Amino acid sequence: MFEQPAEGYVSLAVYNSVGDCVARLVNQSLTKGTFQVAFDATNIPSGLYTYRLETSSGAVQKQMM
């Protein structure tokens, strides 16, 4: 879940340990509001991944398992 403070472009992607994009969950302009995105990881191997959320107001990158 993430909050979009103003209308604008949003990108949410998941990357593997070598930096390859394994899923692009959001890649569009969104209105102001709170959004929830489902991530189905059944077709990718288990391990450490990084997700990156980019908006017009900044970017956040974190790891997940």
N, C-alpha and C. Protein backbone atom coordinates (compact mmCIF):
# COMPACT_ATOMS: atom_id res chain seq x y z
N MET A 1 0.85 -1.16 0.00
CA MET A 1 0.00 0.00 0.00
C MET A 1 0.90 1.24 0.00
N PHE A 2 0.51 2.24 -0.77
CA PHE A 2 1.26 3.48 -0.80
C PHE A 2 0.29 4.64 -0.99
N GLU A 3 0.73 5.81 -0.60
CA GLU A 3 -0.09 7.00 -0.73
C GLU A 3 0.51 7.93 -1.77
N GLN A 4 -0.31 8.39 -2.69
CA GLN A 4 0.09 9.33 -3.73
C GLN A 4 -0.43 10.70 -3.29
N PRO A 5 0.46 11.63 -2.91
CA PRO A 5 0.02 12.91 -2.36
C PRO A 5 -0.62 13.86 -3.38
N ALA A 6 -0.31 13.68 -4.65
CA ALA A 6 -0.87 14.53 -5.70
C ALA A 6 -0.90 13.72 -6.99
N GLU A 7 -1.72 14.16 -7.93
CA GLU A 7 -1.78 13.46 -9.21
C GLU A 7 -0.43 13.51 -9.89
N GLY A 8 -0.01 12.38 -10.47
CA GLY A 8 1.27 12.35 -11.16
C GLY A 8 1.69 10.94 -11.52
N TYR A 9 2.83 10.84 -12.16
CA TYR A 9 3.38 9.57 -12.61
C TYR A 9 3.88 8.74 -11.44
N VAL A 10 3.60 7.42 -11.48
CA VAL A 10 4.06 6.48 -10.45
C VAL A 10 4.66 5.26 -11.13
N SER A 11 5.79 4.83 -10.64
CA SER A 11 6.42 3.60 -11.09
C SER A 11 6.73 2.75 -9.87
N LEU A 12 6.30 1.49 -9.91
CA LEU A 12 6.59 0.54 -8.84
C LEU A 12 7.09 -0.73 -9.50
N ALA A 13 8.34 -1.08 -9.22
CA ALA A 13 8.95 -2.24 -9.87
C ALA A 13 9.71 -3.07 -8.84
N VAL A 14 9.85 -4.37 -9.16
CA VAL A 14 10.58 -5.32 -8.31
C VAL A 14 11.79 -5.81 -9.09
N TYR A 15 12.95 -5.82 -8.41
CA TYR A 15 14.22 -6.20 -9.03
C TYR A 15 14.85 -7.36 -8.28
N ASN A 16 15.53 -8.26 -9.02
CA ASN A 16 16.25 -9.36 -8.37
C ASN A 16 17.60 -8.87 -7.87
N SER A 17 18.40 -9.77 -7.34
CA SER A 17 19.67 -9.40 -6.71
C SER A 17 20.72 -8.88 -7.69
N VAL A 18 20.55 -9.15 -8.98
CA VAL A 18 21.51 -8.63 -9.97
C VAL A 18 20.97 -7.40 -10.70
N GLY A 19 19.81 -6.91 -10.28
CA GLY A 19 19.28 -5.68 -10.83
C GLY A 19 18.33 -5.82 -11.99
N ASP A 20 17.95 -7.05 -12.33
CA ASP A 20 16.98 -7.26 -13.42
C ASP A 20 15.56 -7.01 -12.90
N CYS A 21 14.76 -6.31 -13.67
CA CYS A 21 13.36 -6.07 -13.31
C CYS A 21 12.58 -7.36 -13.51
N VAL A 22 11.99 -7.89 -12.45
CA VAL A 22 11.21 -9.12 -12.54
C VAL A 22 9.71 -8.84 -12.58
N ALA A 23 9.30 -7.65 -12.18
CA ALA A 23 7.87 -7.28 -12.23
C ALA A 23 7.74 -5.76 -12.23
N ARG A 24 6.91 -5.26 -13.11
CA ARG A 24 6.56 -3.84 -13.11
C ARG A 24 5.10 -3.79 -12.72
N LEU A 25 4.84 -3.33 -11.49
CA LEU A 25 3.50 -3.38 -10.93
C LEU A 25 2.67 -2.14 -11.25
N VAL A 26 3.31 -1.00 -11.33
CA VAL A 26 2.64 0.26 -11.69
C VAL A 26 3.56 1.02 -12.60
N ASN A 27 3.00 1.60 -13.65
CA ASN A 27 3.78 2.41 -14.58
C ASN A 27 2.81 3.36 -15.29
N GLN A 28 2.23 4.28 -14.52
CA GLN A 28 1.20 5.15 -15.08
C GLN A 28 0.97 6.37 -14.19
N SER A 29 0.21 7.28 -14.70
CA SER A 29 -0.18 8.45 -13.93
C SER A 29 -1.36 8.07 -13.04
N LEU A 30 -1.30 8.45 -11.77
CA LEU A 30 -2.36 8.14 -10.83
C LEU A 30 -2.87 9.42 -10.18
N THR A 31 -4.11 9.38 -9.74
CA THR A 31 -4.69 10.51 -9.03
C THR A 31 -4.20 10.50 -7.59
N LYS A 32 -4.49 11.55 -6.87
CA LYS A 32 -4.17 11.62 -5.44
C LYS A 32 -4.98 10.55 -4.71
N GLY A 33 -4.34 9.88 -3.75
CA GLY A 33 -5.06 8.88 -2.97
C GLY A 33 -4.16 7.79 -2.46
N THR A 34 -4.77 6.78 -1.86
CA THR A 34 -4.07 5.62 -1.32
C THR A 34 -4.34 4.44 -2.24
N PHE A 35 -3.29 3.70 -2.56
CA PHE A 35 -3.40 2.60 -3.51
C PHE A 35 -2.79 1.33 -2.91
N GLN A 36 -3.37 0.19 -3.29
CA GLN A 36 -2.85 -1.10 -2.88
C GLN A 36 -2.63 -1.91 -4.15
N VAL A 37 -1.45 -2.53 -4.25
CA VAL A 37 -1.08 -3.29 -5.44
C VAL A 37 -0.75 -4.72 -5.03
N ALA A 38 -1.32 -5.69 -5.73
CA ALA A 38 -1.05 -7.11 -5.45
C ALA A 38 0.21 -7.53 -6.22
N PHE A 39 1.04 -8.32 -5.56
CA PHE A 39 2.26 -8.84 -6.19
C PHE A 39 2.23 -10.36 -6.09
N ASP A 40 2.06 -11.03 -7.21
CA ASP A 40 2.03 -12.48 -7.28
C ASP A 40 3.42 -12.98 -7.63
N ALA A 41 4.11 -13.55 -6.66
CA ALA A 41 5.50 -13.98 -6.85
C ALA A 41 5.61 -15.49 -7.07
N THR A 42 4.54 -16.14 -7.46
CA THR A 42 4.58 -17.59 -7.62
C THR A 42 5.49 -18.04 -8.76
N ASN A 43 5.77 -17.19 -9.73
CA ASN A 43 6.60 -17.59 -10.87
C ASN A 43 8.05 -17.13 -10.79
N ILE A 44 8.47 -16.63 -9.64
CA ILE A 44 9.86 -16.24 -9.48
C ILE A 44 10.46 -17.01 -8.30
N PRO A 45 11.75 -17.32 -8.35
CA PRO A 45 12.37 -18.08 -7.27
C PRO A 45 12.43 -17.27 -5.97
N SER A 46 12.47 -17.98 -4.86
CA SER A 46 12.58 -17.29 -3.57
C SER A 46 13.95 -16.65 -3.46
N GLY A 47 14.03 -15.62 -2.63
CA GLY A 47 15.29 -14.92 -2.46
C GLY A 47 15.07 -13.49 -2.03
N LEU A 48 16.13 -12.71 -2.12
CA LEU A 48 16.10 -11.31 -1.73
C LEU A 48 15.81 -10.45 -2.96
N TYR A 49 14.83 -9.58 -2.85
CA TYR A 49 14.43 -8.70 -3.95
C TYR A 49 14.38 -7.26 -3.46
N THR A 50 14.45 -6.34 -4.38
CA THR A 50 14.35 -4.92 -4.08
C THR A 50 13.14 -4.36 -4.81
N TYR A 51 12.36 -3.55 -4.11
CA TYR A 51 11.30 -2.84 -4.82
C TYR A 51 11.61 -1.36 -4.80
N ARG A 52 11.23 -0.68 -5.86
CA ARG A 52 11.48 0.75 -6.00
C ARG A 52 10.18 1.43 -6.39
N LEU A 53 9.77 2.39 -5.57
CA LEU A 53 8.58 3.19 -5.81
C LEU A 53 9.03 4.60 -6.16
N GLU A 54 8.70 5.05 -7.37
CA GLU A 54 9.07 6.39 -7.82
C GLU A 54 7.81 7.19 -8.09
N THR A 55 7.76 8.40 -7.54
CA THR A 55 6.66 9.33 -7.79
C THR A 55 7.25 10.69 -8.13
N SER A 56 6.39 11.61 -8.45
CA SER A 56 6.87 12.96 -8.76
C SER A 56 7.46 13.65 -7.54
N SER A 57 7.14 13.14 -6.33
CA SER A 57 7.66 13.75 -5.11
C SER A 57 8.89 13.04 -4.55
N GLY A 58 9.37 11.99 -5.23
CA GLY A 58 10.57 11.30 -4.76
C GLY A 58 10.53 9.81 -5.03
N ALA A 59 11.50 9.10 -4.46
CA ALA A 59 11.63 7.66 -4.67
C ALA A 59 11.99 6.97 -3.36
N VAL A 60 11.54 5.71 -3.24
CA VAL A 60 11.85 4.88 -2.09
C VAL A 60 12.27 3.52 -2.63
N GLN A 61 13.34 2.98 -2.06
CA GLN A 61 13.81 1.66 -2.46
C GLN A 61 14.07 0.86 -1.20
N LYS A 62 13.50 -0.36 -1.14
CA LYS A 62 13.66 -1.23 0.03
C LYS A 62 13.79 -2.67 -0.43
N GLN A 63 14.30 -3.49 0.49
CA GLN A 63 14.44 -4.91 0.18
C GLN A 63 13.33 -5.73 0.81
N MET A 64 13.07 -6.88 0.19
CA MET A 64 12.06 -7.80 0.71
C MET A 64 12.45 -9.22 0.37
N MET A 65 11.88 -10.15 1.10
CA MET A 65 12.13 -11.57 0.86
C MET A 65 10.83 -12.24 0.49
